[in-house]
PDB file of N, CA and C in Angstrom:
ATOM      1  N   UNK A   1     -17.214  22.186  10.635  1.00  0.00           N
ATOM      2  CA  UNK A   1     -16.905  20.774  10.654  1.00  0.00           C
ATOM      3  C   UNK A   1     -16.041  20.493  11.881  1.00  0.00           C
ATOM      4  N   UNK A   2     -16.465  19.568  12.748  1.00  0.00           N
ATOM      5  CA  UNK A   2     -15.645  19.237  13.913  1.00  0.00           C
ATOM      6  C   UNK A   2     -14.568  18.220  13.525  1.00  0.00           C
ATOM      7  N   UNK A   3     -13.665  17.907  14.463  1.00  0.00           N
ATOM      8  CA  UNK A   3     -12.537  17.029  14.141  1.00  0.00           C
ATOM      9  C   UNK A   3     -12.997  15.654  13.683  1.00  0.00           C
ATOM     10  N   UNK A   4     -14.138  15.179  14.159  1.00  0.00           N
ATOM     11  CA  UNK A   4     -14.621  13.849  13.760  1.00  0.00           C
ATOM     12  C   UNK A   4     -15.042  13.848  12.292  1.00  0.00           C
ATOM     13  N   UNK A   5     -15.737  14.886  11.861  1.00  0.00           N
ATOM     14  CA  UNK A   5     -16.142  14.970  10.464  1.00  0.00           C
ATOM     15  C   UNK A   5     -14.928  15.123   9.561  1.00  0.00           C
ATOM     16  N   UNK A   6     -14.005  15.974   9.958  1.00  0.00           N
ATOM     17  CA  UNK A   6     -12.798  16.185   9.173  1.00  0.00           C
ATOM     18  C   UNK A   6     -12.008  14.890   9.077  1.00  0.00           C
ATOM     19  N   UNK A   7     -11.900  14.164  10.192  1.00  0.00           N
ATOM     20  CA  UNK A   7     -11.186  12.900  10.230  1.00  0.00           C
ATOM     21  C   UNK A   7     -11.818  11.902   9.272  1.00  0.00           C
ATOM     22  N   UNK A   8     -13.144  11.796   9.265  1.00  0.00           N
ATOM     23  CA  UNK A   8     -13.843  10.862   8.397  1.00  0.00           C
ATOM     24  C   UNK A   8     -13.580  11.187   6.931  1.00  0.00           C
ATOM     25  N   UNK A   9     -13.565  12.465   6.604  1.00  0.00           N
ATOM     26  CA  UNK A   9     -13.287  12.867   5.232  1.00  0.00           C
ATOM     27  C   UNK A   9     -11.876  12.468   4.848  1.00  0.00           C
ATOM     28  N   UNK A  10     -10.918  12.744   5.705  1.00  0.00           N
ATOM     29  CA  UNK A  10      -9.529  12.431   5.402  1.00  0.00           C
ATOM     30  C   UNK A  10      -9.289  10.932   5.265  1.00  0.00           C
ATOM     31  N   UNK A  11      -9.906  10.117   6.122  1.00  0.00           N
ATOM     32  CA  UNK A  11      -9.692   8.683   6.074  1.00  0.00           C
ATOM     33  C   UNK A  11     -10.446   8.014   4.939  1.00  0.00           C
ATOM     34  N   UNK A  12     -11.510   8.629   4.456  1.00  0.00           N
ATOM     35  CA  UNK A  12     -12.309   8.029   3.386  1.00  0.00           C
ATOM     36  C   UNK A  12     -11.481   7.789   2.129  1.00  0.00           C
ATOM     37  N   UNK A  13     -10.492   8.609   1.880  1.00  0.00           N
ATOM     38  CA  UNK A  13      -9.694   8.450   0.672  1.00  0.00           C
ATOM     39  C   UNK A  13      -8.771   7.239   0.738  1.00  0.00           C
ATOM     40  N   UNK A  14      -8.604   6.664   1.908  1.00  0.00           N
ATOM     41  CA  UNK A  14      -7.701   5.534   2.060  1.00  0.00           C
ATOM     42  C   UNK A  14      -8.375   4.182   1.862  1.00  0.00           C
ATOM     43  N   UNK A  15      -9.679   4.156   1.650  1.00  0.00           N
ATOM     44  CA  UNK A  15     -10.383   2.898   1.415  1.00  0.00           C
ATOM     45  C   UNK A  15     -10.532   2.070   2.673  1.00  0.00           C
ATOM     46  N   UNK A  16     -10.405   0.753   2.522  1.00  0.00           N
ATOM     47  CA  UNK A  16     -10.602  -0.191   3.626  1.00  0.00           C
ATOM     48  C   UNK A  16      -9.414  -0.137   4.585  1.00  0.00           C
ATOM     49  N   UNK A  17      -9.661   0.348   5.796  1.00  0.00           N
ATOM     50  CA  UNK A  17      -8.595   0.484   6.795  1.00  0.00           C
ATOM     51  C   UNK A  17      -8.764  -0.608   7.837  1.00  0.00           C
ATOM     52  N   UNK A  18      -7.699  -1.340   8.118  1.00  0.00           N
ATOM     53  CA  UNK A  18      -7.734  -2.406   9.120  1.00  0.00           C
ATOM     54  C   UNK A  18      -6.859  -2.004  10.302  1.00  0.00           C
ATOM     55  N   UNK A  19      -7.521  -1.604  11.389  1.00  0.00           N
ATOM     56  CA  UNK A  19      -6.833  -1.162  12.590  1.00  0.00           C
ATOM     57  C   UNK A  19      -6.440  -2.363  13.423  1.00  0.00           C
ATOM     58  N   UNK A  20      -5.286  -2.287  14.078  1.00  0.00           N
ATOM     59  CA  UNK A  20      -4.825  -3.345  14.978  1.00  0.00           C
ATOM     60  C   UNK A  20      -4.147  -2.703  16.182  1.00  0.00           C
ATOM     61  N   UNK A  21      -4.150  -3.392  17.334  1.00  0.00           N
ATOM     62  CA  UNK A  21      -3.446  -2.836  18.491  1.00  0.00           C
ATOM     63  C   UNK A  21      -1.958  -2.702  18.177  1.00  0.00           C
ATOM     64  N   UNK A  22      -1.358  -1.618  18.615  1.00  0.00           N
ATOM     65  CA  UNK A  22       0.072  -1.413  18.388  1.00  0.00           C
ATOM     66  C   UNK A  22       0.899  -2.430  19.167  1.00  0.00           C
ATOM     67  N   UNK A  23       0.353  -2.891  20.276  1.00  0.00           N
ATOM     68  CA  UNK A  23       0.978  -3.922  21.093  1.00  0.00           C
ATOM     69  C   UNK A  23      -0.120  -4.518  21.974  1.00  0.00           C
ATOM     70  N   UNK A  24       0.121  -5.647  22.621  1.00  0.00           N
ATOM     71  CA  UNK A  24      -0.915  -6.198  23.494  1.00  0.00           C
ATOM     72  C   UNK A  24      -1.342  -5.171  24.544  1.00  0.00           C
ATOM     73  N   UNK A  25      -2.632  -5.122  24.809  1.00  0.00           N
ATOM     74  CA  UNK A  25      -3.133  -4.162  25.782  1.00  0.00           C
ATOM     75  C   UNK A  25      -4.202  -4.827  26.640  1.00  0.00           C
ATOM     76  N   UNK A  26      -4.497  -4.184  27.746  1.00  0.00           N
ATOM     77  CA  UNK A  26      -5.494  -4.702  28.663  1.00  0.00           C
ATOM     78  C   UNK A  26      -6.536  -3.639  28.938  1.00  0.00           C
ATOM     79  N   UNK A  27      -7.759  -4.055  29.132  1.00  0.00           N
ATOM     80  CA  UNK A  27      -8.819  -3.132  29.524  1.00  0.00           C
ATOM     81  C   UNK A  27      -9.295  -2.206  28.423  1.00  0.00           C
ATOM     82  N   UNK A  28      -8.924  -2.455  27.184  1.00  0.00           N
ATOM     83  CA  UNK A  28      -9.405  -1.644  26.075  1.00  0.00           C
ATOM     84  C   UNK A  28      -8.727  -0.305  25.900  1.00  0.00           C
ATOM     85  N   UNK A  29      -7.728   0.015  26.704  1.00  0.00           N
ATOM     86  CA  UNK A  29      -7.004   1.284  26.570  1.00  0.00           C
ATOM     87  C   UNK A  29      -5.784   1.049  25.680  1.00  0.00           C
ATOM     88  N   UNK A  30      -6.009   1.049  24.380  1.00  0.00           N
ATOM     89  CA  UNK A  30      -4.951   0.689  23.434  1.00  0.00           C
ATOM     90  C   UNK A  30      -4.716   1.796  22.412  1.00  0.00           C
ATOM     91  N   UNK A  31      -3.524   1.808  21.903  1.00  0.00           N
ATOM     92  CA  UNK A  31      -3.217   2.600  20.721  1.00  0.00           C
ATOM     93  C   UNK A  31      -3.349   1.640  19.550  1.00  0.00           C
ATOM     94  N   UNK A  32      -4.064   2.065  18.524  1.00  0.00           N
ATOM     95  CA  UNK A  32      -4.220   1.241  17.336  1.00  0.00           C
ATOM     96  C   UNK A  32      -3.478   1.869  16.173  1.00  0.00           C
ATOM     97  N   UNK A  33      -2.967   1.017  15.280  1.00  0.00           N
ATOM     98  CA  UNK A  33      -2.259   1.488  14.098  1.00  0.00           C
ATOM     99  C   UNK A  33      -2.859   0.843  12.857  1.00  0.00           C
ATOM    100  N   UNK A  34      -2.693   1.512  11.726  1.00  0.00           N
ATOM    101  CA  UNK A  34      -3.170   0.988  10.458  1.00  0.00           C
ATOM    102  C   UNK A  34      -2.295   1.533   9.342  1.00  0.00           C
ATOM    103  N   UNK A  35      -2.130   0.736   8.315  1.00  0.00           N
ATOM    104  CA  UNK A  35      -1.469   1.200   7.108  1.00  0.00           C
ATOM    105  C   UNK A  35      -2.507   1.958   6.300  1.00  0.00           C
ATOM    106  N   UNK A  36      -2.199   3.175   5.939  1.00  0.00           N
ATOM    107  CA  UNK A  36      -3.153   4.023   5.229  1.00  0.00           C
ATOM    108  C   UNK A  36      -2.855   4.098   3.743  1.00  0.00           C
ATOM    109  N   UNK A  37      -2.032   3.220   3.263  1.00  0.00           N
ATOM    110  CA  UNK A  37      -1.676   3.235   1.861  1.00  0.00           C
ATOM    111  C   UNK A  37      -0.432   4.064   1.636  1.00  0.00           C
ATOM    112  N   UNK A  38       0.252   3.755   0.587  1.00  0.00           N
ATOM    113  CA  UNK A  38       1.477   4.487   0.310  1.00  0.00           C
ATOM    114  C   UNK A  38       2.462   4.369   1.451  1.00  0.00           C
ATOM    115  N   UNK A  39       2.938   5.490   1.907  1.00  0.00           N
ATOM    116  CA  UNK A  39       3.959   5.516   2.952  1.00  0.00           C
ATOM    117  C   UNK A  39       3.442   6.089   4.264  1.00  0.00           C
ATOM    118  N   UNK A  40       2.157   5.967   4.548  1.00  0.00           N
ATOM    119  CA  UNK A  40       1.572   6.557   5.758  1.00  0.00           C
ATOM    120  C   UNK A  40       1.066   5.480   6.720  1.00  0.00           C
ATOM    121  N   UNK A  41       1.256   5.749   8.004  1.00  0.00           N
ATOM    122  CA  UNK A  41       0.730   4.935   9.093  1.00  0.00           C
ATOM    123  C   UNK A  41      -0.232   5.821   9.878  1.00  0.00           C
ATOM    124  N   UNK A  42      -1.383   5.270  10.259  1.00  0.00           N
ATOM    125  CA  UNK A  42      -2.336   5.989  11.086  1.00  0.00           C
ATOM    126  C   UNK A  42      -2.263   5.470  12.514  1.00  0.00           C
ATOM    127  N   UNK A  43      -2.423   6.350  13.481  1.00  0.00           N
ATOM    128  CA  UNK A  43      -2.402   5.998  14.905  1.00  0.00           C
ATOM    129  C   UNK A  43      -3.627   6.635  15.550  1.00  0.00           C
ATOM    130  N   UNK A  44      -4.385   5.835  16.340  1.00  0.00           N
ATOM    131  CA  UNK A  44      -5.568   6.365  17.010  1.00  0.00           C
ATOM    132  C   UNK A  44      -5.752   5.706  18.373  1.00  0.00           C
ATOM    133  N   UNK A  45      -6.625   6.298  19.167  1.00  0.00           N
ATOM    134  CA  UNK A  45      -6.984   5.786  20.487  1.00  0.00           C
ATOM    135  C   UNK A  45      -8.151   4.820  20.316  1.00  0.00           C
ATOM    136  N   UNK A  46      -8.003   3.584  20.793  1.00  0.00           N
ATOM    137  CA  UNK A  46      -9.059   2.585  20.627  1.00  0.00           C
ATOM    138  C   UNK A  46     -10.346   2.977  21.361  1.00  0.00           C
ATOM    139  N   UNK A  47     -10.243   3.796  22.394  1.00  0.00           N
ATOM    140  CA  UNK A  47     -11.428   4.219  23.138  1.00  0.00           C
ATOM    141  C   UNK A  47     -12.240   5.268  22.379  1.00  0.00           C
ATOM    142  N   UNK A  48     -11.660   5.860  21.336  1.00  0.00           N
ATOM    143  CA  UNK A  48     -12.331   6.894  20.551  1.00  0.00           C
ATOM    144  C   UNK A  48     -12.075   6.637  19.061  1.00  0.00           C
ATOM    145  N   UNK A  49     -12.608   5.526  18.518  1.00  0.00           N
ATOM    146  CA  UNK A  49     -12.295   5.158  17.138  1.00  0.00           C
ATOM    147  C   UNK A  49     -12.777   6.159  16.087  1.00  0.00           C
ATOM    148  N   UNK A  50     -13.724   6.995  16.428  1.00  0.00           N
ATOM    149  CA  UNK A  50     -14.192   8.022  15.496  1.00  0.00           C
ATOM    150  C   UNK A  50     -13.460   9.338  15.707  1.00  0.00           C
ATOM    151  N   UNK A  51     -12.551   9.375  16.669  1.00  0.00           N
ATOM    152  CA  UNK A  51     -11.824  10.593  17.012  1.00  0.00           C
ATOM    153  C   UNK A  51     -10.648  10.847  16.090  1.00  0.00           C
ATOM    154  N   UNK A  52      -9.763  11.714  16.516  1.00  0.00           N
ATOM    155  CA  UNK A  52      -8.637  12.120  15.678  1.00  0.00           C
ATOM    156  C   UNK A  52      -7.667  10.971  15.397  1.00  0.00           C
ATOM    157  N   UNK A  53      -7.028  11.069  14.257  1.00  0.00           N
ATOM    158  CA  UNK A  53      -6.014  10.105  13.835  1.00  0.00           C
ATOM    159  C   UNK A  53      -4.741  10.878  13.526  1.00  0.00           C
ATOM    160  N   UNK A  54      -3.636  10.404  14.066  1.00  0.00           N
ATOM    161  CA  UNK A  54      -2.326  10.975  13.739  1.00  0.00           C
ATOM    162  C   UNK A  54      -1.785  10.175  12.560  1.00  0.00           C
ATOM    163  N   UNK A  55      -1.289  10.856  11.557  1.00  0.00           N
ATOM    164  CA  UNK A  55      -0.641  10.162  10.447  1.00  0.00           C
ATOM    165  C   UNK A  55       0.848  10.459  10.478  1.00  0.00           C
ATOM    166  N   UNK A  56       1.621   9.449  10.139  1.00  0.00           N
ATOM    167  CA  UNK A  56       3.076   9.550  10.189  1.00  0.00           C
ATOM    168  C   UNK A  56       3.650   8.720   9.052  1.00  0.00           C
ATOM    169  N   UNK A  57       4.748   9.157   8.493  1.00  0.00           N
ATOM    170  CA  UNK A  57       5.411   8.402   7.433  1.00  0.00           C
ATOM    171  C   UNK A  57       6.000   7.104   7.974  1.00  0.00           C
ATOM    172  N   UNK A  58       6.087   6.093   7.107  1.00  0.00           N
ATOM    173  CA  UNK A  58       6.622   4.790   7.538  1.00  0.00           C
ATOM    174  C   UNK A  58       8.033   4.895   8.119  1.00  0.00           C
ATOM    175  N   UNK A  59       8.887   5.654   7.479  1.00  0.00           N
ATOM    176  CA  UNK A  59      10.263   5.776   7.976  1.00  0.00           C
ATOM    177  C   UNK A  59      10.296   6.422   9.355  1.00  0.00           C
ATOM    178  N   UNK A  60       9.477   7.451   9.554  1.00  0.00           N
ATOM    179  CA  UNK A  60       9.408   8.099  10.864  1.00  0.00           C
ATOM    180  C   UNK A  60       8.814   7.153  11.908  1.00  0.00           C
ATOM    181  N   UNK A  61       7.823   6.344  11.523  1.00  0.00           N
ATOM    182  CA  UNK A  61       7.221   5.364  12.439  1.00  0.00           C
ATOM    183  C   UNK A  61       8.278   4.342  12.863  1.00  0.00           C
ATOM    184  N   UNK A  62       9.037   3.838  11.907  1.00  0.00           N
ATOM    185  CA  UNK A  62      10.093   2.864  12.230  1.00  0.00           C
ATOM    186  C   UNK A  62      11.132   3.472  13.166  1.00  0.00           C
ATOM    187  N   UNK A  63      11.508   4.718  12.926  1.00  0.00           N
ATOM    188  CA  UNK A  63      12.484   5.394  13.785  1.00  0.00           C
ATOM    189  C   UNK A  63      11.914   5.577  15.197  1.00  0.00           C
ATOM    190  N   UNK A  64      10.640   5.936  15.288  1.00  0.00           N
ATOM    191  CA  UNK A  64       9.965   6.094  16.580  1.00  0.00           C
ATOM    192  C   UNK A  64       9.979   4.770  17.351  1.00  0.00           C
ATOM    193  N   UNK A  65       9.594   3.688  16.686  1.00  0.00           N
ATOM    194  CA  UNK A  65       9.594   2.369  17.336  1.00  0.00           C
ATOM    195  C   UNK A  65      10.997   1.957  17.770  1.00  0.00           C
ATOM    196  N   UNK A  66      11.982   2.226  16.954  1.00  0.00           N
ATOM    197  CA  UNK A  66      13.367   1.886  17.303  1.00  0.00           C
ATOM    198  C   UNK A  66      13.819   2.647  18.547  1.00  0.00           C
ATOM    199  N   UNK A  67      13.432   3.909  18.665  1.00  0.00           N
ATOM    200  CA  UNK A  67      13.803   4.701  19.851  1.00  0.00           C
ATOM    201  C   UNK A  67      13.117   4.162  21.099  1.00  0.00           C
ATOM    202  N   UNK A  68      11.856   3.743  20.970  1.00  0.00           N
ATOM    203  CA  UNK A  68      11.160   3.154  22.107  1.00  0.00           C
ATOM    204  C   UNK A  68      11.858   1.870  22.538  1.00  0.00           C
ATOM    205  N   UNK A  69      12.138   0.995  21.579  1.00  0.00           N
ATOM    206  CA  UNK A  69      12.757  -0.291  21.887  1.00  0.00           C
ATOM    207  C   UNK A  69      14.150  -0.141  22.476  1.00  0.00           C
ATOM    208  N   UNK A  70      14.855   0.909  22.084  1.00  0.00           N
ATOM    209  CA  UNK A  70      16.210   1.117  22.594  1.00  0.00           C
ATOM    210  C   UNK A  70      16.224   1.742  23.990  1.00  0.00           C
ATOM    211  N   UNK A  71      15.046   2.237  24.437  1.00  0.00           N
ATOM    212  CA  UNK A  71      14.972   2.892  25.744  1.00  0.00           C
ATOM    213  C   UNK A  71      15.264   4.372  25.688  1.00  0.00           C
ATOM    214  N   UNK A  72      15.424   4.917  24.468  1.00  0.00           N
ATOM    215  CA  UNK A  72      15.736   6.341  24.327  1.00  0.00           C
ATOM    216  C   UNK A  72      14.537   7.225  24.693  1.00  0.00           C
ATOM    217  N   UNK A  73      13.330   6.672  24.627  1.00  0.00           N
ATOM    218  CA  UNK A  73      12.134   7.414  25.013  1.00  0.00           C
ATOM    219  C   UNK A  73      11.521   6.775  26.232  1.00  0.00           C
ATOM    220  N   UNK A  74      11.167   7.594  27.190  1.00  0.00           N
ATOM    221  CA  UNK A  74      10.530   7.088  28.397  1.00  0.00           C
ATOM    222  C   UNK A  74       9.022   7.131  28.207  1.00  0.00           C
ATOM    223  N   UNK A  75       8.392   5.977  28.305  1.00  0.00           N
ATOM    224  CA  UNK A  75       6.940   5.903  28.168  1.00  0.00           C
ATOM    225  C   UNK A  75       6.282   6.061  29.526  1.00  0.00           C
ATOM    226  N   UNK A  76       5.164   6.732  29.524  1.00  0.00           N
ATOM    227  CA  UNK A  76       4.445   6.990  30.782  1.00  0.00           C
ATOM    228  C   UNK A  76       3.571   5.805  31.092  1.00  0.00           C
TER     229      UNK A  76
END
């Protein structure tokens, strides 16, 4: 089973997933996020919607966003 098949199996248990851009983007090169139910957030590359998905807990996602907004993390 390749990562795409494994990903599809893992996401199937979450039901209807509504992906949205994490922030405004241009040219289709976006990070998308979705609530996966419970306390999980999914993150994926909009250019590869069938590709791998990173899952992260809501509290960790909020902490990550706070660090970005504070300038503690340098984005490339």
